[in-house]
Structures are given as C-alpha cells and as structure tokens.
Protein backbone atom coordinates (compact mmCIF):
# COMPACT_ATOMS: atom_id res chain seq x y z
CA MET A 1 129.40 106.73 159.71
CA SER A 2 131.42 104.83 157.07
CA GLY A 3 130.20 101.72 155.30
CA LYS A 4 132.56 99.55 157.35
CA GLN A 5 131.37 101.12 160.59
CA SER A 6 127.73 100.65 159.60
CA ALA A 7 128.31 96.99 158.77
CA ARG A 8 130.20 96.49 162.02
CA THR A 9 127.38 98.08 164.03
CA ALA A 10 124.79 95.94 162.24
CA ARG A 11 126.72 92.74 163.05
CA ILE A 12 127.03 93.76 166.69
CA LEU A 13 123.31 94.49 166.93
CA ASP A 14 122.53 91.10 165.37
CA GLY A 15 124.63 89.43 168.04
CA ILE A 16 123.05 91.44 170.84
CA ALA A 17 119.59 90.47 169.57
CA THR A 18 120.36 86.73 169.77
CA GLY A 19 122.83 86.85 172.65
CA VAL A 20 125.58 85.24 170.56
CA PRO A 21 128.07 87.43 168.64
CA THR A 22 128.23 86.96 164.89
CA GLY A 23 131.70 88.48 164.70
CA GLY A 24 134.50 89.51 167.01
CA PRO A 25 134.99 92.61 169.17
CA SER A 26 135.16 96.06 167.64
CA THR A 27 137.55 97.51 170.23
CA VAL A 28 140.48 95.67 171.82
CA HIS A 29 142.44 97.20 174.66
CA VAL A 30 145.93 95.72 175.14
CA ASP A 31 148.17 96.38 178.12
CA VAL A 32 151.61 95.69 176.69
CA THR A 33 153.69 96.13 179.85
CA ASN A 34 153.50 96.44 183.62
CA ALA A 35 156.71 98.48 183.77
CA CYS A 36 156.49 102.23 184.24
CA ASN A 37 158.83 105.19 184.22
CA ALA A 38 156.57 107.10 186.63
CA ALA A 39 155.34 106.68 190.19
CA CYS A 40 152.06 108.60 190.07
CA ILE A 41 150.85 109.28 193.59
CA THR A 42 147.37 107.83 192.90
CA CYS A 43 148.49 104.70 191.01
CA TRP A 44 147.29 101.32 192.28
CA ASP A 45 150.44 99.67 190.92
CA HIS A 46 153.35 102.12 191.23
CA SER A 47 152.45 104.75 193.87
CA PRO A 48 154.94 105.23 196.72
CA LEU A 49 151.91 105.39 199.05
CA LEU A 50 150.98 101.74 198.52
CA THR A 51 151.04 99.72 201.73
CA GLU A 52 151.83 96.59 199.71
CA ALA A 53 153.97 97.20 196.65
CA ARG A 54 153.82 95.11 193.52
CA PRO A 55 156.71 92.59 193.37
CA PRO A 56 159.56 93.24 190.93
CA SER A 57 158.60 90.11 188.97
CA TRP A 58 155.16 91.58 188.25
CA LYS A 59 156.62 94.92 187.18
CA LYS A 60 158.89 93.16 184.67
CA ARG A 61 156.02 91.43 182.87
CA ARG A 62 155.39 92.50 179.28
CA LEU A 63 153.66 91.17 176.19
CA GLU A 64 156.32 89.80 173.87
CA LEU A 65 156.31 90.95 170.27
CA ALA A 66 155.72 87.42 168.94
CA ARG A 67 152.64 87.01 171.14
CA PHE A 68 151.37 90.44 170.11
CA THR A 69 151.85 89.57 166.44
CA GLU A 70 149.85 86.36 166.93
CA LEU A 71 147.09 88.36 168.62
CA VAL A 72 146.97 90.85 165.73
CA ASP A 73 146.67 87.94 163.28
CA ASP A 74 143.77 86.45 165.25
CA LEU A 75 141.96 89.78 165.48
CA ALA A 76 142.44 90.44 161.76
CA ALA A 77 140.97 87.00 160.96
CA LEU A 78 137.83 87.83 162.95
CA GLY A 79 137.25 90.78 160.61
CA SER A 80 135.46 92.89 163.19
CA VAL A 81 138.06 95.08 164.81
CA GLY A 82 137.92 98.79 164.14
CA SER A 83 140.04 100.18 166.95
CA ILE A 84 142.92 99.18 169.20
CA VAL A 85 143.95 100.80 172.47
CA LEU A 86 147.54 100.29 173.59
CA SER A 87 148.31 101.01 177.22
CA GLY A 88 149.73 99.23 180.24
CA MET A 89 149.54 98.79 183.96
CA GLY A 90 152.68 100.84 183.44
CA ASP A 91 153.44 102.95 180.37
CA PRO A 92 153.47 101.38 176.89
CA LEU A 93 156.29 103.61 175.67
CA VAL A 94 158.78 101.84 177.95
CA HIS A 95 158.16 98.57 176.04
CA PRO A 96 161.24 97.94 173.85
CA ASP A 97 159.09 96.87 170.89
CA ILE A 98 156.32 99.47 171.15
CA TYR A 99 157.13 101.15 167.83
CA GLU A 100 156.96 97.81 166.01
CA MET A 101 153.64 97.10 167.75
CA ILE A 102 152.25 100.44 166.62
CA ALA A 103 153.36 99.73 163.06
CA LEU A 104 151.65 96.30 163.13
CA VAL A 105 148.36 97.85 164.19
CA LYS A 106 148.50 100.61 161.62
CA ARG A 107 149.27 98.13 158.82
CA GLN A 108 145.88 96.59 159.54
CA GLY A 109 144.22 99.96 159.01
CA TRP A 110 142.80 100.04 162.55
CA HIS A 111 142.22 103.21 164.53
CA LEU A 112 144.89 103.32 167.23
CA THR A 113 144.71 105.08 170.59
CA LEU A 114 147.87 105.22 172.70
CA MET A 115 147.50 105.86 176.44
CA THR A 116 150.74 107.20 177.90
CA ASN A 117 152.42 109.84 180.04
CA LEU A 118 154.54 110.58 176.92
CA ILE A 119 157.78 111.16 178.82
CA ALA A 120 159.53 108.01 177.55
CA ALA A 121 158.71 108.80 173.92
CA ASP A 122 161.33 108.87 171.23
CA ILE A 123 159.27 111.66 169.74
CA ASP A 124 161.10 111.68 166.40
CA ARG A 125 160.25 108.00 165.99
CA LEU A 126 156.71 108.20 167.41
CA ALA A 127 155.40 111.27 165.60
CA PRO A 128 155.45 109.85 162.03
CA LEU A 129 153.85 106.47 162.87
CA GLY A 130 150.27 107.60 162.33
CA VAL A 131 148.82 107.04 165.80
CA ASP A 132 145.27 108.34 165.49
CA ALA A 133 144.63 109.39 169.08
CA PHE A 134 146.66 109.95 172.20
CA LEU A 135 145.26 109.86 175.72
CA ILE A 136 147.96 111.64 177.67
CA GLY A 137 148.16 111.38 181.45
CA VAL A 138 149.02 114.97 182.35
CA HIS A 139 147.89 115.43 185.97
CA GLY A 140 148.83 119.02 186.60
CA ALA A 141 149.09 122.36 184.86
CA THR A 142 152.25 123.74 186.48
CA PRO A 143 155.70 122.27 187.15
CA ALA A 144 155.16 122.19 190.92
CA THR A 145 151.85 120.36 190.81
CA TYR A 146 153.07 118.01 188.10
CA ALA A 147 156.05 117.09 190.28
CA ALA A 148 153.82 116.59 193.33
CA PHE A 149 151.65 114.13 191.41
CA HIS A 150 154.73 112.37 189.96
CA PRO A 151 157.17 111.83 192.86
CA GLY A 152 160.73 111.70 191.58
CA TRP A 153 160.05 113.97 188.62
CA ASP A 154 160.56 117.72 188.43
CA GLU A 155 160.23 120.57 185.96
CA ARG A 156 162.46 118.77 183.44
CA GLU A 157 159.79 116.14 182.80
CA PHE A 158 157.07 118.80 182.78
CA PHE A 159 158.80 120.79 180.05
CA ARG A 160 159.61 117.61 178.11
CA LEU A 161 155.90 116.83 178.16
CA CYS A 162 155.12 120.31 176.86
CA SER A 163 157.62 119.91 174.03
CA HIS A 164 156.20 116.52 173.05
CA LEU A 165 152.63 117.85 173.12
CA ARG A 166 153.59 120.58 170.66
CA ARG A 167 155.16 118.01 168.36
CA LEU A 168 152.12 115.73 168.45
CA HIS A 169 149.76 118.58 167.66
CA ALA A 170 151.75 119.21 164.49
CA THR A 171 151.06 115.62 163.34
CA GLY A 172 147.29 116.15 163.25
CA ALA A 173 146.64 113.35 165.74
CA GLN A 174 143.79 113.75 168.20
CA VAL A 175 145.46 114.49 171.53
CA ARG A 176 143.33 114.32 174.66
CA HIS A 177 144.55 115.21 178.13
CA VAL A 178 143.64 113.19 181.21
CA GLN A 179 143.69 115.12 184.47
CA VAL A 180 143.27 112.90 187.54
CA ILE A 181 142.12 115.00 190.46
CA ASN A 182 143.50 114.43 193.94
CA ARG A 183 144.59 116.71 196.78
CA ASP A 184 147.58 117.93 194.73
CA THR A 185 145.82 118.68 191.47
CA ALA A 186 142.38 119.83 192.68
CA PRO A 187 143.31 123.54 192.91
CA GLU A 188 144.38 123.56 189.26
CA VAL A 189 141.16 122.36 187.60
CA PRO A 190 140.53 125.75 185.91
CA ALA A 191 144.22 126.05 184.98
CA MET A 192 144.03 122.61 183.36
CA VAL A 193 141.55 124.03 180.86
CA ARG A 194 144.04 126.79 180.00
CA PHE A 195 146.76 124.17 179.66
CA GLY A 196 144.53 122.24 177.29
CA ALA A 197 143.93 125.35 175.21
CA LEU A 198 147.65 126.19 175.14
CA PHE A 199 148.56 122.78 173.72
CA LYS A 200 145.49 122.47 171.47
CA ALA A 201 144.00 119.46 173.27
CA ALA A 202 141.12 117.84 171.42
CA ARG A 203 139.54 117.28 174.81
CA VAL A 204 140.40 117.52 178.50
CA ASN A 205 139.06 114.63 180.58
CA PHE A 206 138.76 115.16 184.32
CA LYS A 207 138.31 112.25 186.70
CA LEU A 208 138.46 111.86 190.44
CA ALA A 209 141.31 109.64 191.56
CA SER A 210 140.20 106.08 192.24
CA LEU A 211 142.09 105.20 195.39
CA THR A 212 142.93 102.03 197.29
CA GLY A 213 145.74 100.19 199.04
CA GLY A 214 147.17 103.24 200.80
CA THR A 215 146.68 105.81 198.07
CA GLU A 216 143.56 107.02 199.89
CA ALA A 217 145.93 109.36 201.73
CA CYS A 218 146.01 111.67 198.70
CA ARG A 219 142.24 111.96 198.24
CA ILE A 220 140.78 115.43 197.70
CA THR A 221 139.79 117.12 200.95
CA ASP A 222 136.22 117.98 201.90
CA ASP A 223 137.08 121.66 201.45
CA GLN A 224 138.47 120.98 197.97
CA ARG A 225 135.37 119.04 196.99
CA ALA A 226 133.15 121.85 198.23
CA TRP A 227 135.21 124.45 196.33
CA LEU A 228 135.11 122.41 193.14
CA ARG A 229 131.34 121.99 193.39
CA THR A 230 130.61 125.64 194.16
CA GLU A 231 133.35 127.48 192.27
CA GLY A 232 136.09 125.43 190.63
CA VAL A 233 134.05 123.54 188.05
CA ALA A 234 132.09 126.68 187.15
CA GLN A 235 135.34 128.58 186.58
CA ALA A 236 136.70 125.73 184.46
CA ARG A 237 133.48 125.53 182.45
CA ALA A 238 133.51 129.27 181.77
CA LEU A 239 137.12 129.06 180.60
CA ALA A 240 136.34 126.05 178.41
CA THR A 241 133.56 128.01 176.72
CA GLU A 242 135.73 131.09 176.31
CA LEU A 243 138.73 129.19 174.97
CA GLY A 244 136.85 126.58 172.94
CA VAL A 245 138.14 123.57 174.87
CA ALA A 246 136.09 120.37 174.87
CA THR A 247 135.83 118.74 178.30
CA ASN A 248 133.87 116.17 180.27
CA LEU A 249 133.13 118.64 183.07
CA ASP A 250 129.48 117.57 183.24
CA LEU A 251 130.57 114.02 184.00
CA PHE A 252 133.21 115.22 186.44
CA GLU A 253 130.64 117.35 188.22
CA ALA A 254 128.43 114.27 188.52
CA GLN A 255 131.34 112.39 190.07
CA LEU A 256 131.80 115.16 192.62
CA ALA A 257 128.13 114.97 193.50
CA ALA A 258 128.07 111.17 193.15
CA ALA A 259 124.81 111.62 191.25
CA ILE A 260 123.63 109.77 188.17
CA VAL A 261 119.88 110.35 187.93
CA PRO A 262 117.02 109.38 185.61
CA ASP A 263 115.90 111.57 182.77
CA GLY A 264 113.40 111.22 179.99
CA ASP A 265 115.42 111.82 176.86
CA GLY A 266 117.86 108.92 177.00
CA THR A 267 120.82 110.89 175.77
CA GLY A 268 124.29 109.44 175.95
CA ASP A 269 127.40 109.28 173.84
CA ASP A 270 130.21 106.85 173.19
CA ARG A 271 133.24 108.75 174.41
CA ASP A 272 135.92 106.13 174.07
CA GLU A 273 138.05 105.64 177.19
CA THR A 274 136.18 108.24 179.25
CA ASP A 275 135.64 106.05 182.27
CA LEU A 276 133.45 106.76 185.27
CA ASP A 277 135.81 105.10 187.72
CA GLY A 278 136.77 107.85 190.10
CA ASP A 279 135.48 108.32 193.63
CA PRO A 280 134.36 105.01 195.17
CA SER A 281 131.04 106.58 196.10
CA ALA A 282 130.29 107.37 192.42
CA THR A 283 128.12 104.49 191.29
CA VAL A 284 126.08 104.02 188.14
CA PRO A 285 122.68 102.37 187.57
CA ILE A 286 124.02 99.63 185.31
CA ALA A 287 120.91 97.48 185.76
CA GLU A 288 118.84 100.21 184.12
CA VAL A 289 121.15 100.24 181.10
CA GLY A 290 122.53 96.75 180.58
CA CYS A 291 125.99 95.48 179.68
CA PHE A 292 126.97 95.07 176.03
CA MET A 293 130.74 94.80 176.42
CA GLY A 294 130.70 91.06 175.67
CA HIS A 295 129.83 91.93 172.08
CA VAL A 296 132.08 94.92 171.46
CA TYR A 297 135.11 95.04 173.75
CA THR A 298 137.85 93.15 175.52
CA ARG A 299 140.99 93.95 177.45
CA ILE A 300 144.18 91.89 177.45
CA THR A 301 146.85 92.28 180.12
CA ALA A 302 150.61 92.01 179.96
CA THR A 303 150.28 88.81 182.01
CA LEU A 304 148.21 87.34 179.12
CA ASP A 305 144.87 87.46 180.95
CA VAL A 306 141.90 88.07 178.66
CA LEU A 307 139.26 90.19 180.41
CA TYR A 308 135.57 90.49 179.65
CA CYS A 309 135.70 94.25 180.19
CA CYS A 310 137.94 96.67 182.08
CA ASN A 311 137.14 94.94 185.40
CA THR A 312 140.21 92.79 186.12
CA ALA A 313 138.09 90.46 188.27
CA VAL A 314 136.00 89.33 185.27
CA ARG A 315 138.51 87.09 183.55
CA VAL A 316 137.73 84.95 180.51
CA GLY A 317 140.98 83.02 180.19
CA SER A 318 144.60 83.35 179.17
CA LEU A 319 146.46 83.64 175.89
CA ALA A 320 148.95 81.24 177.46
CA ASP A 321 146.30 78.52 177.20
CA ALA A 322 144.27 79.38 174.09
CA ARG A 323 144.20 81.59 171.02
CA PHE A 324 142.06 84.70 171.28
CA ARG A 325 139.61 83.58 168.58
CA ASP A 326 138.89 80.37 170.49
CA LEU A 327 138.28 82.23 173.74
CA TRP A 328 135.95 84.76 172.08
CA HIS A 329 133.66 82.04 170.74
CA GLY A 330 134.25 79.68 173.66
CA PRO A 331 131.94 78.55 176.49
CA VAL A 332 133.43 80.75 179.23
CA TRP A 333 132.92 84.00 177.31
CA GLN A 334 129.44 82.93 176.25
CA GLY A 335 128.56 82.01 179.81
CA LEU A 336 129.54 85.50 180.95
CA ARG A 337 127.44 87.05 178.18
CA ASP A 338 124.48 84.92 179.23
CA ARG A 339 124.89 85.85 182.88
CA LEU A 340 124.96 89.58 182.21
CA ARG A 341 122.18 89.28 179.65
CA GLY A 342 120.07 87.91 182.49
CA GLY A 343 120.82 90.96 184.64
CA ASP A 344 123.12 89.07 187.03
CA TYR A 345 125.93 91.57 187.57
CA PHE A 346 129.31 91.19 189.23
CA PRO A 347 130.58 93.03 192.30
CA GLY A 348 132.06 96.22 190.88
CA CYS A 349 129.59 96.52 188.00
CA GLU A 350 127.93 99.33 189.93
CA ARG A 351 131.09 101.33 189.17
CA CYS A 352 131.19 100.31 185.51
CA GLY A 353 134.21 101.78 183.78
CA LYS A 354 132.42 101.57 180.43
CA PHE A 355 129.12 103.06 181.53
CA GLU A 356 128.97 105.73 178.82
CA GLN A 357 129.63 103.13 176.14
CA ASN A 358 127.02 100.81 177.63
CA LEU A 359 124.54 103.68 177.76
CA ALA A 360 125.14 104.47 174.10
CA TRP A 361 124.70 100.82 173.05
CA SER A 362 121.60 100.55 175.21
CA GLU A 363 120.04 103.43 173.31
CA ARG A 364 121.07 101.96 169.95
CA VAL A 365 119.47 98.63 170.80
CA ARG A 366 116.27 100.31 171.95
CA ALA A 367 116.07 102.58 168.93
CA ARG A 368 116.94 100.02 166.26
CA LEU A 369 115.74 96.70 167.66
CA GLY A 370 112.84 97.75 169.86
CA GLU A 371 111.83 97.59 173.49
CA GLU A 372 111.20 93.84 173.60
CA VAL A 373 114.68 93.00 172.31
CA TRP A 374 116.21 95.57 174.64
CA ARG A 375 114.49 93.98 177.64
CA ALA A 376 115.70 90.53 176.63
CA ALA A 377 119.25 91.80 176.12
CA THR A 378 119.44 93.54 179.50
CA GLY A 379 117.48 91.21 181.77
CA ALA A 380 114.92 93.94 182.34
CA GLY A 381 112.03 91.49 181.94
CA ALA A 382 108.72 92.97 182.93
CA ARG A 383 110.05 95.40 185.53
CA PRO A 384 109.68 99.17 185.03
CA VAL A 385 112.76 100.82 183.55
CA LYS A 386 113.98 104.37 183.28
CA ARG A 387 115.95 106.17 180.63
CA LEU A 388 119.08 107.72 181.98
CA ARG A 389 121.62 110.40 181.35
CA VAL A 390 124.52 111.86 183.31
CA VAL A 391 123.65 115.19 184.92
CA SER A 392 125.15 117.47 187.51
C-alpha cells in the first residue's frame, strides 16, 4: 500500500471511529449518461422485454461537461479521492464528451475504471488515454449467444468487441470481463473462461442477472441452475485453473445456491465493482457486517442525483441544488450515516451491492480499531455477532 493509500485509509478509519468523516469519499462512481447503444435483454432500462419502457426524455439525460468539471474540482478540493468509476445507466462511451472527461480525471492522478460494452469506442482515441481499468460487459462467448443477449446486434459487434479487447490488452490496462448469466448465456459459462483466457482478461466476473419489470422472462431455467451447480461451475473452475484465469466463481456459486454463511476466519477482500446483486433470492447478512459506504463511496447519476451507495432509493440530494462538498458534509448525508451506524437498514440493504467492500472494511475496523469501536460503528451493541465469508 502506498503512502497516500495508507493516509487515506487512516483518515477513513478515524471517521468511522467517530461516525463523522474527516475527509471526503475515496471512490466516486459517476453515471455520465442514460443513453445506450445496446438493448441488453436483462437491462432494467433498455431491455425490449420491459413492460414499461423508459421515456425518451430520460434516455436523453446526460451529465454536461461543465457540471462534470465542477464536480472534479470539488472532489479534488476534498483531497480524499483515489479512484473514479465512469459508467452510465446507458454506456459512457456514447457521451459526446467522454474523452474529455477521461482526460480530466487522469490529470488529477486518480485511478480510473471505465464500465462499458466497448462497442461505441473510438479505440484509437481511447487506447492512449491511460484508463487504468476496464470493466467490459461481454455477456457471451460466441457470436450467436452475444447476439441473443444484445437484440439488434449480430456477429459484427461481436468481432468489433474482440478487436477492441486485443487493442486494450496492448495498452497494459487491467481489463476485466463481466458475464451476466441468464437463459441465453448460462450454457456458455465454461466457454466464458476460455474467452477470458483468449483475450488476456485480468479477471472474469460472473453474476446472475438481476431481473425486474418484465425481464424476468429471460431468467435461467431450473435445469440450467441445476447444471451450473452440479457441472457447469466445476468445469469453468477447472478451466480457470488450467488456463490461469482469475474469476469470482466462488461468489457466483454462492449466488446460485443463495448461500452466504458464517465462518470463523473473517476473510474477505475488496474487489472493486464486484457486486452481489444477481438473483433476487441471493441476500447477504449486512447486519452482521455493517455499512461503511457513507465514509468511502458515493454514486452520482446523469440526472444529478447524489446517492449514498449504489442503491438508487437512498438519495442524498442533487447537484442541481448544492455542490458536492456541501452535500458530503451536510445534515442529510450525516443523518444517513447515523441511521446505518445504528443498525437501521433500508429495504434492499439485504441485497447490498457493495457487500464485499463492506465486509473488507468491517474486518479492517475490527482489526485496527478493536471490537468495541466495531460494535459502535455497526450498531451491533451487545448482541452476539458472527464473522462471515462467502462460501459455496
């Protein structure tokens, strides 16, 4: 860990100990646009299966470059930010100013992760910009499956993706693949590991499709779930070992089994943007871990909403009404921190999208600040608690 990272962690721990942050967030996730060039079959916003489509006015919303520049200035003044994630309710690469936005972030020296399907990339312009990490929505390992997951696309987009992946690997950036698993992609889970090996993925993240609003129609079948649990994941794991591909198959297997169970060693890691938000039955014991996102993270939408975490229902305020720095240190944000510090969770917290990060911070607090501080920071009080890890 670098000196800056150590100092940042120390400041965060100081804030967690008192309940009031001494600095700003360390990670800021910005959705720069709602527009998308794809219509992924599982998407809550753009899927053709949706019974109630998003209105055109919503799909046109984007964060203007001037507003983004103001946000970057505010975050730089806080002096706490180490990483930025650029994504969208659509795809960030369709934003007309995305390359200028990337350049602004990199001028600050921040680690930048770009979440994208990569198809809209001007790859000659994107490759030299120094993006540190890419989280690429792949969703398939063959042209046919890729097209099934992306209605309206065909093998042309699939082979464009392959070409772009080769180019990004040559830049030295960390390129991770995301493979959302539904009825179309489930048979290709082992093949997705081979695809990851072929294009030198730093990691392949598997996640069950999180489905609502009509997209439930493309859920994996019972037979597919049974095959994945008895054969498919084992085949993928064996291939990953043979080919040297890093994956989150243990977590994916836990999603399939909908099982997060107690264990004595308290292991956990901070795999950025590896969310446990797949099958609606896959819940997590957040009360046994605590929520620390109010000290380390925020998400900002293209409609200017400032979110406490990745849960869009937990809204702090709007950049249309206040500067970010004022919201971060304001009464609404602090009230949310106090509520969660007391163990009073929101509907949806049982499916925490940042559970792995919360688990890692929980262990840091326990190890470095002690059990008494940990209990105060999580609302555990005098009740018995368990140490947890994700298992199959």
